Amino acid sequence: MRNVPRKLALKTAVAISDIAFKIDRRHREIGMVNLRVAFPKLSERKRELILRGSYHNFARMVVESSRLPILNQKNISSLAFYDPIYGIDNYLNARKQREGILFMTMHYGAWELLPYAHALYGHPLSFVIRRLDNKYLDRLVRESRQASGNTVIDKKGAARRMLQELKHGRDVGILIDQNVAPDEGVFANFFGRPASSPSILAILALRTGAPVVPGTMRYNKRRDTHRIIFLPALTPIKTGNNGNDIQLNTEQYNRTLEKLIRQKPSQWLWMHRRWKGQPEGTENPVSYARTKTAAATK
């Protein structure tokens, strides 16, 4: 993908994703379950179109990720640029409040390209990832992610390292849109249903006072470019009760992510069991049972 012309790589990857959409029954069904939760009034046909677009988006993300090493400060503006309204000014205004901000993001658009491009524009950050099972692939991806000046933080024991980074005025990025174990988060509404959501972002924000800036990247197919989007820093909710504050701020974060996803739903990663966990003693109305059956049959 890196060594062929970019347009050919994109065309090929999208074609492969169309095949995957047809044969990958397990993840296709997960995506449809999620879309029924998020958009109950849409027809099945419209949900399928969104999900197919999500497969296309993932394919583009893979291509952009493979080509990160050939990007530099001279050519990045031809591929990715800041939104003229919701862009760099919101980020810089947050930095004026306090050096070292919390960068809230999700698996949306070209999420691997986002921090890489932002660093090439002169704003490196540290972000949390989980080690890949394949050691060779993990090293390859890690080196690629850090080539523009960013720093990778391993998920295991990440909290202490993130505190250190913030203390030294370095931005920290956290993906908060996927299901986590109950001891790692709180249940906060997401598209109208409780979803086990990471609490680490709210904990760090409340403890350090670091501004939380929502950021993402959106693809424009007609122009074949990516826009970097930063919303204004979120106003922290403080009631004096730490546990309640973590809950309320996490709910605020989910509402913000949901608003961004609704603007272009086909660019979010729907093929993840987002509502897998539910509060103890609560029956889960979202069933992924058929997806498990399909996987077992294979």
C-alpha atoms as a PDB file:
ATOM      1  CA  MET A   1       0.000   0.000   0.000  1.00  0.00           C
ATOM      2  CA  ARG A   2       2.913   2.331   0.660  1.00  0.00           C
ATOM      3  CA  ASN A   3       4.738   1.591  -2.575  1.00  0.00           C
ATOM      4  CA  VAL A   4       1.876   1.956  -5.050  1.00  0.00           C
ATOM      5  CA  PRO A   5       0.215   5.267  -6.010  1.00  0.00           C
ATOM      6  CA  ARG A   6      -2.076   6.419  -3.213  1.00  0.00           C
ATOM      7  CA  LYS A   7      -5.248   6.575  -5.334  1.00  0.00           C
ATOM      8  CA  LEU A   8      -4.677   3.026  -6.552  1.00  0.00           C
ATOM      9  CA  ALA A   9      -4.035   1.882  -2.976  1.00  0.00           C
ATOM     10  CA  LEU A  10      -7.281   3.492  -1.800  1.00  0.00           C
ATOM     11  CA  LYS A  11      -9.294   2.028  -4.666  1.00  0.00           C
ATOM     12  CA  THR A  12      -7.874  -1.435  -4.019  1.00  0.00           C
ATOM     13  CA  ALA A  13      -8.436  -1.271  -0.265  1.00  0.00           C
ATOM     14  CA  VAL A  14     -12.037  -0.124  -0.644  1.00  0.00           C
ATOM     15  CA  ALA A  15     -12.703  -2.945  -3.122  1.00  0.00           C
ATOM     16  CA  ILE A  16     -11.304  -5.442  -0.614  1.00  0.00           C
ATOM     17  CA  SER A  17     -13.497  -3.931   2.111  1.00  0.00           C
ATOM     18  CA  ASP A  18     -16.574  -4.498  -0.090  1.00  0.00           C
ATOM     19  CA  ILE A  19     -15.664  -8.182  -0.241  1.00  0.00           C
ATOM     20  CA  ALA A  20     -15.111  -8.211   3.526  1.00  0.00           C
ATOM     21  CA  PHE A  21     -18.505  -6.604   4.041  1.00  0.00           C
ATOM     22  CA  LYS A  22     -20.151  -9.499   2.196  1.00  0.00           C
ATOM     23  CA  ILE A  23     -18.245 -12.408   3.752  1.00  0.00           C
ATOM     24  CA  ASP A  24     -17.444 -11.105   7.255  1.00  0.00           C
ATOM     25  CA  ARG A  25     -20.784 -12.119   8.731  1.00  0.00           C
ATOM     26  CA  ARG A  26     -19.707 -11.776  12.372  1.00  0.00           C
ATOM     27  CA  HIS A  27     -18.584  -8.152  12.264  1.00  0.00           C
ATOM     28  CA  ARG A  28     -21.311  -7.182   9.822  1.00  0.00           C
ATOM     29  CA  GLU A  29     -23.934  -8.430  12.292  1.00  0.00           C
ATOM     30  CA  ILE A  30     -22.222  -6.635  15.194  1.00  0.00           C
ATOM     31  CA  GLY A  31     -22.359  -3.436  13.182  1.00  0.00           C
ATOM     32  CA  MET A  32     -26.032  -3.876  12.342  1.00  0.00           C
ATOM     33  CA  VAL A  33     -26.913  -4.543  15.994  1.00  0.00           C
ATOM     34  CA  ASN A  34     -25.103  -1.337  16.972  1.00  0.00           C
ATOM     35  CA  LEU A  35     -26.789   0.688  14.252  1.00  0.00           C
ATOM     36  CA  ARG A  36     -30.232  -0.529  15.341  1.00  0.00           C
ATOM     37  CA  VAL A  37     -29.420   0.785  18.821  1.00  0.00           C
ATOM     38  CA  ALA A  38     -28.059   4.117  17.602  1.00  0.00           C
ATOM     39  CA  PHE A  39     -30.535   4.770  14.776  1.00  0.00           C
ATOM     40  CA  PRO A  40     -33.769   2.911  15.583  1.00  0.00           C
ATOM     41  CA  LYS A  41     -35.824   4.961  13.118  1.00  0.00           C
ATOM     42  CA  LEU A  42     -33.621   4.306  10.074  1.00  0.00           C
ATOM     43  CA  SER A  43     -34.474   1.590   7.573  1.00  0.00           C
ATOM     44  CA  GLU A  44     -32.301  -1.538   7.379  1.00  0.00           C
ATOM     45  CA  ARG A  45     -31.140  -0.399   3.945  1.00  0.00           C
ATOM     46  CA  LYS A  46     -29.867   2.929   5.284  1.00  0.00           C
ATOM     47  CA  ARG A  47     -28.138   1.170   8.176  1.00  0.00           C
ATOM     48  CA  GLU A  48     -26.435  -1.175   5.712  1.00  0.00           C
ATOM     49  CA  LEU A  49     -25.199   1.817   3.697  1.00  0.00           C
ATOM     50  CA  ILE A  50     -23.715   3.381   6.845  1.00  0.00           C
ATOM     51  CA  LEU A  51     -22.048   0.110   7.794  1.00  0.00           C
ATOM     52  CA  ARG A  52     -20.623  -0.423   4.329  1.00  0.00           C
ATOM     53  CA  GLY A  53     -19.237   3.104   4.542  1.00  0.00           C
ATOM     54  CA  SER A  54     -17.663   2.157   7.881  1.00  0.00           C
ATOM     55  CA  TYR A  55     -15.872  -0.737   6.166  1.00  0.00           C
ATOM     56  CA  HIS A  56     -14.681   1.694   3.480  1.00  0.00           C
ATOM     57  CA  ASN A  57     -13.460   4.075   6.166  1.00  0.00           C
ATOM     58  CA  PHE A  58     -11.476   1.332   7.868  1.00  0.00           C
ATOM     59  CA  ALA A  59      -9.905   0.433   4.515  1.00  0.00           C
ATOM     60  CA  ARG A  60      -8.847   4.049   3.951  1.00  0.00           C
ATOM     61  CA  MET A  61      -7.457   4.203   7.471  1.00  0.00           C
ATOM     62  CA  VAL A  62      -5.278   1.151   6.765  1.00  0.00           C
ATOM     63  CA  VAL A  63      -3.923   2.773   3.606  1.00  0.00           C
ATOM     64  CA  GLU A  64      -3.183   6.085   5.354  1.00  0.00           C
ATOM     65  CA  SER A  65      -1.502   4.216   8.230  1.00  0.00           C
ATOM     66  CA  SER A  66       0.751   2.320   5.853  1.00  0.00           C
ATOM     67  CA  ARG A  67       1.861   5.587   4.253  1.00  0.00           C
ATOM     68  CA  LEU A  68       2.677   7.527   7.425  1.00  0.00           C
ATOM     69  CA  PRO A  69       6.474   7.218   6.972  1.00  0.00           C
ATOM     70  CA  ILE A  70       6.362   9.108   3.663  1.00  0.00           C
ATOM     71  CA  LEU A  71       4.566  12.092   5.175  1.00  0.00           C
ATOM     72  CA  ASN A  72       6.525  15.142   6.332  1.00  0.00           C
ATOM     73  CA  GLN A  73       6.097  18.816   7.166  1.00  0.00           C
ATOM     74  CA  LYS A  74       6.252  19.767   3.486  1.00  0.00           C
ATOM     75  CA  ASN A  75       3.576  17.454   2.101  1.00  0.00           C
ATOM     76  CA  ILE A  76       1.165  16.965   5.015  1.00  0.00           C
ATOM     77  CA  SER A  77      -0.974  20.005   4.100  1.00  0.00           C
ATOM     78  CA  SER A  78      -1.953  18.395   0.777  1.00  0.00           C
ATOM     79  CA  LEU A  79      -3.538  15.492   2.651  1.00  0.00           C
ATOM     80  CA  ALA A  80      -4.659  16.771   6.074  1.00  0.00           C
ATOM     81  CA  PHE A  81      -5.442  20.273   7.298  1.00  0.00           C
ATOM     82  CA  TYR A  82      -7.207  21.973  10.198  1.00  0.00           C
ATOM     83  CA  ASP A  83     -10.873  22.831   9.912  1.00  0.00           C
ATOM     84  CA  PRO A  84     -11.114  26.633   9.446  1.00  0.00           C
ATOM     85  CA  ILE A  85     -13.755  26.986  12.190  1.00  0.00           C
ATOM     86  CA  TYR A  86     -13.339  23.983  14.493  1.00  0.00           C
ATOM     87  CA  GLY A  87      -9.614  23.603  14.196  1.00  0.00           C
ATOM     88  CA  ILE A  88      -6.272  24.759  15.503  1.00  0.00           C
ATOM     89  CA  ASP A  89      -7.593  27.829  17.348  1.00  0.00           C
ATOM     90  CA  ASN A  90      -9.616  25.682  19.752  1.00  0.00           C
ATOM     91  CA  TYR A  91      -6.544  23.586  20.467  1.00  0.00           C
ATOM     92  CA  LEU A  92      -4.290  26.625  20.996  1.00  0.00           C
ATOM     93  CA  ASN A  93      -6.854  28.326  23.246  1.00  0.00           C
ATOM     94  CA  ALA A  94      -6.844  25.247  25.471  1.00  0.00           C
ATOM     95  CA  ARG A  95      -3.050  25.312  25.582  1.00  0.00           C
ATOM     96  CA  LYS A  96      -3.231  28.911  26.808  1.00  0.00           C
ATOM     97  CA  GLN A  97      -5.274  27.725  29.793  1.00  0.00           C
ATOM     98  CA  ARG A  98      -2.678  25.151  30.731  1.00  0.00           C
ATOM     99  CA  GLU A  99       0.307  23.542  29.044  1.00  0.00           C
ATOM    100  CA  GLY A 100      -0.455  19.866  28.780  1.00  0.00           C
ATOM    101  CA  ILE A 101      -3.987  19.108  27.640  1.00  0.00           C
ATOM    102  CA  LEU A 102      -6.062  15.937  27.423  1.00  0.00           C
ATOM    103  CA  PHE A 103      -6.886  15.106  23.834  1.00  0.00           C
ATOM    104  CA  MET A 104     -10.163  13.140  23.716  1.00  0.00           C
ATOM    105  CA  THR A 105     -10.659  11.143  20.537  1.00  0.00           C
ATOM    106  CA  MET A 106     -12.168   7.972  19.084  1.00  0.00           C
ATOM    107  CA  HIS A 107     -11.973   5.374  16.310  1.00  0.00           C
ATOM    108  CA  TYR A 108     -13.321   7.761  13.703  1.00  0.00           C
ATOM    109  CA  GLY A 109     -12.028   8.796  10.293  1.00  0.00           C
ATOM    110  CA  ALA A 110      -8.303   8.126   9.850  1.00  0.00           C
ATOM    111  CA  TRP A 111      -7.614   7.913  13.576  1.00  0.00           C
ATOM    112  CA  GLU A 112      -4.011   6.774  13.090  1.00  0.00           C
ATOM    113  CA  LEU A 113      -3.283   9.701  10.773  1.00  0.00           C
ATOM    114  CA  LEU A 114      -4.750  12.275  13.180  1.00  0.00           C
ATOM    115  CA  PRO A 115      -1.987  12.403  15.838  1.00  0.00           C
ATOM    116  CA  TYR A 116       0.698  11.893  13.193  1.00  0.00           C
ATOM    117  CA  ALA A 117      -0.464  14.904  11.172  1.00  0.00           C
ATOM    118  CA  HIS A 118      -0.977  17.029  14.280  1.00  0.00           C
ATOM    119  CA  ALA A 119       2.632  16.289  15.310  1.00  0.00           C
ATOM    120  CA  LEU A 120       3.949  17.206  11.854  1.00  0.00           C
ATOM    121  CA  TYR A 121       2.244  20.561  12.296  1.00  0.00           C
ATOM    122  CA  GLY A 122       4.354  21.037  15.413  1.00  0.00           C
ATOM    123  CA  HIS A 123       2.148  19.615  18.160  1.00  0.00           C
ATOM    124  CA  PRO A 124       3.383  16.179  19.285  1.00  0.00           C
ATOM    125  CA  LEU A 125       1.562  14.268  21.993  1.00  0.00           C
ATOM    126  CA  SER A 126       1.663  11.062  23.970  1.00  0.00           C
ATOM    127  CA  PHE A 127      -1.097   8.521  23.512  1.00  0.00           C
ATOM    128  CA  VAL A 128      -2.114   5.221  25.009  1.00  0.00           C
ATOM    129  CA  ILE A 129      -2.181   1.955  23.053  1.00  0.00           C
ATOM    130  CA  ARG A 130      -2.460  -1.740  23.782  1.00  0.00           C
ATOM    131  CA  ARG A 131       0.503  -3.879  22.742  1.00  0.00           C
ATOM    132  CA  LEU A 132      -0.216  -6.018  19.692  1.00  0.00           C
ATOM    133  CA  ASP A 133       0.061  -9.778  20.144  1.00  0.00           C
ATOM    134  CA  ASN A 134       2.467 -10.062  17.204  1.00  0.00           C
ATOM    135  CA  LYS A 135       5.782  -8.674  18.466  1.00  0.00           C
ATOM    136  CA  TYR A 136       7.121  -7.883  14.986  1.00  0.00           C
ATOM    137  CA  LEU A 137       3.965  -6.049  13.964  1.00  0.00           C
ATOM    138  CA  ASP A 138       3.866  -4.254  17.319  1.00  0.00           C
ATOM    139  CA  ARG A 139       7.407  -2.926  16.835  1.00  0.00           C
ATOM    140  CA  LEU A 140       6.672  -1.893  13.250  1.00  0.00           C
ATOM    141  CA  VAL A 141       3.482  -0.033  14.181  1.00  0.00           C
ATOM    142  CA  ARG A 142       5.057   1.538  17.257  1.00  0.00           C
ATOM    143  CA  GLU A 143       7.990   2.932  15.254  1.00  0.00           C
ATOM    144  CA  SER A 144       5.593   4.269  12.628  1.00  0.00           C
ATOM    145  CA  ARG A 145       3.397   5.982  15.206  1.00  0.00           C
ATOM    146  CA  GLN A 146       6.362   7.702  16.840  1.00  0.00           C
ATOM    147  CA  ALA A 147       8.132   8.784  13.650  1.00  0.00           C
ATOM    148  CA  SER A 148       6.556  12.265  13.634  1.00  0.00           C
ATOM    149  CA  GLY A 149       7.550  13.013  17.229  1.00  0.00           C
ATOM    150  CA  ASN A 150       4.724  11.405  19.192  1.00  0.00           C
ATOM    151  CA  THR A 151       5.279   9.110  22.163  1.00  0.00           C
ATOM    152  CA  VAL A 152       3.476   5.811  22.666  1.00  0.00           C
ATOM    153  CA  ILE A 153       2.367   4.817  26.186  1.00  0.00           C
ATOM    154  CA  ASP A 154       1.561   1.180  26.919  1.00  0.00           C
ATOM    155  CA  LYS A 155      -1.942   0.655  28.281  1.00  0.00           C
ATOM    156  CA  LYS A 156      -0.631  -1.412  31.191  1.00  0.00           C
ATOM    157  CA  GLY A 157       0.285   1.018  33.967  1.00  0.00           C
ATOM    158  CA  ALA A 158      -0.582   3.999  31.763  1.00  0.00           C
ATOM    159  CA  ALA A 159      -2.161   6.211  34.443  1.00  0.00           C
ATOM    160  CA  ARG A 160       1.097   7.090  36.209  1.00  0.00           C
ATOM    161  CA  ARG A 161       2.882   7.755  32.929  1.00  0.00           C
ATOM    162  CA  MET A 162       0.066  10.007  31.713  1.00  0.00           C
ATOM    163  CA  LEU A 163       0.233  12.028  34.914  1.00  0.00           C
ATOM    164  CA  GLN A 164       3.961  12.509  34.370  1.00  0.00           C
ATOM    165  CA  GLU A 165       3.439  13.626  30.781  1.00  0.00           C
ATOM    166  CA  LEU A 166       0.815  16.177  31.796  1.00  0.00           C
ATOM    167  CA  LYS A 167       3.022  17.418  34.633  1.00  0.00           C
ATOM    168  CA  HIS A 168       5.763  18.163  32.098  1.00  0.00           C
ATOM    169  CA  GLY A 169       3.388  20.077  29.824  1.00  0.00           C
ATOM    170  CA  ARG A 170       2.945  17.371  27.212  1.00  0.00           C
ATOM    171  CA  ASP A 171      -0.446  16.622  25.651  1.00  0.00           C
ATOM    172  CA  VAL A 172      -1.968  13.190  26.211  1.00  0.00           C
ATOM    173  CA  GLY A 173      -4.389  11.536  23.794  1.00  0.00           C
ATOM    174  CA  ILE A 174      -6.960   8.951  24.883  1.00  0.00           C
ATOM    175  CA  LEU A 175      -9.412   6.921  22.780  1.00  0.00           C
ATOM    176  CA  ILE A 176     -12.581   6.560  24.862  1.00  0.00           C
ATOM    177  CA  ASP A 177     -15.199   5.088  22.517  1.00  0.00           C
ATOM    178  CA  GLN A 178     -14.876   1.351  23.178  1.00  0.00           C
ATOM    179  CA  ASN A 179     -16.213  -1.020  25.823  1.00  0.00           C
ATOM    180  CA  VAL A 180     -13.970  -1.520  28.873  1.00  0.00           C
ATOM    181  CA  ALA A 181     -14.004  -3.907  31.833  1.00  0.00           C
ATOM    182  CA  PRO A 182     -16.236  -2.723  34.728  1.00  0.00           C
ATOM    183  CA  ASP A 183     -13.222  -1.931  36.929  1.00  0.00           C
ATOM    184  CA  GLU A 184     -11.831   0.401  34.245  1.00  0.00           C
ATOM    185  CA  GLY A 185     -14.851   2.597  33.731  1.00  0.00           C
ATOM    186  CA  VAL A 186     -18.381   3.674  34.504  1.00  0.00           C
ATOM    187  CA  PHE A 187     -21.672   3.057  32.745  1.00  0.00           C
ATOM    188  CA  ALA A 188     -22.591   6.209  30.863  1.00  0.00           C
ATOM    189  CA  ASN A 189     -25.298   6.684  28.250  1.00  0.00           C
ATOM    190  CA  PHE A 190     -24.183   6.453  24.644  1.00  0.00           C
ATOM    191  CA  PHE A 191     -26.867   6.775  21.962  1.00  0.00           C
ATOM    192  CA  GLY A 192     -29.470   6.394  24.694  1.00  0.00           C
ATOM    193  CA  ARG A 193     -28.175   3.180  26.311  1.00  0.00           C
ATOM    194  CA  PRO A 194     -25.680   2.585  29.141  1.00  0.00           C
ATOM    195  CA  ALA A 195     -22.224   1.731  27.805  1.00  0.00           C
ATOM    196  CA  SER A 196     -19.179   0.754  29.848  1.00  0.00           C
ATOM    197  CA  SER A 197     -16.952   3.776  29.230  1.00  0.00           C
ATOM    198  CA  PRO A 198     -13.348   4.528  30.246  1.00  0.00           C
ATOM    199  CA  SER A 199     -13.207   6.677  33.360  1.00  0.00           C
ATOM    200  CA  ILE A 200      -9.482   7.492  33.114  1.00  0.00           C
ATOM    201  CA  LEU A 201     -10.083  10.686  31.127  1.00  0.00           C
ATOM    202  CA  ALA A 202     -12.401  12.164  33.753  1.00  0.00           C
ATOM    203  CA  ILE A 203     -10.101  11.028  36.573  1.00  0.00           C
ATOM    204  CA  LEU A 204      -7.074  12.734  35.016  1.00  0.00           C
ATOM    205  CA  ALA A 205      -8.999  15.904  34.155  1.00  0.00           C
ATOM    206  CA  LEU A 206     -10.366  16.268  37.678  1.00  0.00           C
ATOM    207  CA  ARG A 207      -7.050  15.474  39.320  1.00  0.00           C
ATOM    208  CA  THR A 208      -4.809  17.690  37.177  1.00  0.00           C
ATOM    209  CA  GLY A 209      -7.113  20.444  35.915  1.00  0.00           C
ATOM    210  CA  ALA A 210      -5.946  19.729  32.349  1.00  0.00           C
ATOM    211  CA  PRO A 211      -8.443  20.927  29.705  1.00  0.00           C
ATOM    212  CA  VAL A 212     -10.245  18.169  27.774  1.00  0.00           C
ATOM    213  CA  VAL A 213     -10.277  18.952  24.056  1.00  0.00           C
ATOM    214  CA  PRO A 214     -12.358  16.743  21.725  1.00  0.00           C
ATOM    215  CA  GLY A 215     -10.486  16.047  18.517  1.00  0.00           C
ATOM    216  CA  THR A 216     -11.095  13.928  15.450  1.00  0.00           C
ATOM    217  CA  MET A 217     -10.460  13.712  11.723  1.00  0.00           C
ATOM    218  CA  ARG A 218     -13.088  13.649   8.977  1.00  0.00           C
ATOM    219  CA  TYR A 219     -12.578  12.494   5.393  1.00  0.00           C
ATOM    220  CA  ASN A 220     -13.908  14.405   2.377  1.00  0.00           C
ATOM    221  CA  LYS A 221     -14.295  11.937  -0.483  1.00  0.00           C
ATOM    222  CA  ARG A 222     -14.798  14.539  -3.203  1.00  0.00           C
ATOM    223  CA  ARG A 223     -11.577  16.354  -2.318  1.00  0.00           C
ATOM    224  CA  ASP A 224      -9.775  13.228  -1.092  1.00  0.00           C
ATOM    225  CA  THR A 225      -8.525  15.082   1.988  1.00  0.00           C
ATOM    226  CA  HIS A 226      -8.861  14.873   5.766  1.00  0.00           C
ATOM    227  CA  ARG A 227      -9.957  17.710   8.056  1.00  0.00           C
ATOM    228  CA  ILE A 228      -8.567  17.905  11.583  1.00  0.00           C
ATOM    229  CA  ILE A 229     -11.350  18.953  13.945  1.00  0.00           C
ATOM    230  CA  PHE A 230     -10.931  20.347  17.450  1.00  0.00           C
ATOM    231  CA  LEU A 231     -13.945  21.419  19.469  1.00  0.00           C
ATOM    232  CA  PRO A 232     -13.583  23.983  22.273  1.00  0.00           C
ATOM    233  CA  ALA A 233     -12.341  22.550  25.564  1.00  0.00           C
ATOM    234  CA  LEU A 234     -15.178  21.017  27.565  1.00  0.00           C
ATOM    235  CA  THR A 235     -16.220  22.767  30.756  1.00  0.00           C
ATOM    236  CA  PRO A 236     -15.492  20.386  33.660  1.00  0.00           C
ATOM    237  CA  ILE A 237     -18.402  19.390  35.888  1.00  0.00           C
ATOM    238  CA  LYS A 238     -17.558  19.689  39.588  1.00  0.00           C
ATOM    239  CA  THR A 239     -20.127  18.963  42.274  1.00  0.00           C
ATOM    240  CA  GLY A 240     -17.711  18.251  45.112  1.00  0.00           C
ATOM    241  CA  ASN A 241     -18.406  14.516  44.974  1.00  0.00           C
ATOM    242  CA  ASN A 242     -15.531  12.847  43.123  1.00  0.00           C
ATOM    243  CA  GLY A 243     -17.410   9.693  42.154  1.00  0.00           C
ATOM    244  CA  ASN A 244     -20.352  11.704  40.907  1.00  0.00           C
ATOM    245  CA  ASP A 245     -18.055  14.059  39.014  1.00  0.00           C
ATOM    246  CA  ILE A 246     -16.359  11.151  37.208  1.00  0.00           C
ATOM    247  CA  GLN A 247     -19.786   9.853  36.182  1.00  0.00           C
ATOM    248  CA  LEU A 248     -21.115  13.230  35.015  1.00  0.00           C
ATOM    249  CA  ASN A 249     -17.988  14.161  33.059  1.00  0.00           C
ATOM    250  CA  THR A 250     -17.834  10.763  31.345  1.00  0.00           C
ATOM    251  CA  GLU A 251     -21.451  11.227  30.305  1.00  0.00           C
ATOM    252  CA  GLN A 252     -20.513  14.631  28.896  1.00  0.00           C
ATOM    253  CA  TYR A 253     -17.682  13.053  26.913  1.00  0.00           C
ATOM    254  CA  ASN A 254     -20.011  10.411  25.466  1.00  0.00           C
ATOM    255  CA  ARG A 255     -22.532  13.046  24.421  1.00  0.00           C
ATOM    256  CA  THR A 256     -19.784  14.911  22.597  1.00  0.00           C
ATOM    257  CA  LEU A 257     -18.595  11.793  20.774  1.00  0.00           C
ATOM    258  CA  GLU A 258     -22.158  10.918  19.852  1.00  0.00           C
ATOM    259  CA  LYS A 259     -22.733  14.373  18.383  1.00  0.00           C
ATOM    260  CA  LEU A 260     -19.626  14.048  16.190  1.00  0.00           C
ATOM    261  CA  ILE A 261     -20.548  10.529  15.068  1.00  0.00           C
ATOM    262  CA  ARG A 262     -24.071  11.591  14.091  1.00  0.00           C
ATOM    263  CA  GLN A 263     -22.630  14.193  11.714  1.00  0.00           C
ATOM    264  CA  LYS A 264     -20.951  11.482   9.613  1.00  0.00           C
ATOM    265  CA  PRO A 265     -21.842   8.045  11.031  1.00  0.00           C
ATOM    266  CA  SER A 266     -20.162   6.042   8.270  1.00  0.00           C
ATOM    267  CA  GLN A 267     -16.749   7.177   9.530  1.00  0.00           C
ATOM    268  CA  TRP A 268     -17.057   5.563  12.974  1.00  0.00           C
ATOM    269  CA  LEU A 269     -15.967   1.973  13.685  1.00  0.00           C
ATOM    270  CA  TRP A 270     -19.326   0.235  14.193  1.00  0.00           C
ATOM    271  CA  MET A 271     -17.903  -3.318  14.180  1.00  0.00           C
ATOM    272  CA  HIS A 272     -17.154  -3.345  17.924  1.00  0.00           C
ATOM    273  CA  ARG A 273     -19.485  -4.700  20.635  1.00  0.00           C
ATOM    274  CA  ARG A 274     -19.931  -1.302  22.233  1.00  0.00           C
ATOM    275  CA  TRP A 275     -22.868  -2.258  24.468  1.00  0.00           C
ATOM    276  CA  LYS A 276     -21.523  -5.673  25.482  1.00  0.00           C
ATOM    277  CA  GLY A 277     -21.331  -4.809  29.175  1.00  0.00           C
ATOM    278  CA  GLN A 278     -24.238  -3.579  31.294  1.00  0.00           C
ATOM    279  CA  PRO A 279     -24.610  -2.596  34.967  1.00  0.00           C
ATOM    280  CA  GLU A 280     -24.687  -5.552  37.348  1.00  0.00           C
ATOM    281  CA  GLY A 281     -28.168  -6.934  37.833  1.00  0.00           C
ATOM    282  CA  THR A 282     -29.445  -5.294  34.650  1.00  0.00           C
ATOM    283  CA  GLU A 283     -30.645  -7.334  31.702  1.00  0.00           C
ATOM    284  CA  ASN A 284     -28.849  -6.287  28.535  1.00  0.00           C
ATOM    285  CA  PRO A 285     -31.382  -5.317  25.835  1.00  0.00           C
ATOM    286  CA  VAL A 286     -28.583  -5.339  23.246  1.00  0.00           C
ATOM    287  CA  SER A 287     -27.883  -8.906  22.128  1.00  0.00           C
ATOM    288  CA  TYR A 288     -24.807  -9.957  20.168  1.00  0.00           C
ATOM    289  CA  ALA A 289     -25.759 -13.653  20.470  1.00  0.00           C
ATOM    290  CA  ARG A 290     -26.026 -14.281  16.730  1.00  0.00           C
ATOM    291  CA  THR A 291     -22.568 -12.829  16.143  1.00  0.00           C
ATOM    292  CA  LYS A 292     -21.102 -15.348  18.597  1.00  0.00           C
ATOM    293  CA  THR A 293     -23.000 -18.165  16.879  1.00  0.00           C
ATOM    294  CA  ALA A 294     -21.670 -17.120  13.503  1.00  0.00           C
ATOM    295  CA  ALA A 295     -18.109 -17.066  14.805  1.00  0.00           C
ATOM    296  CA  ALA A 296     -18.520 -20.532  16.378  1.00  0.00           C
ATOM    297  CA  THR A 297     -19.894 -21.944  13.121  1.00  0.00           C
ATOM    298  CA  LYS A 298     -16.797 -20.762  11.286  1.00  0.00           C
END
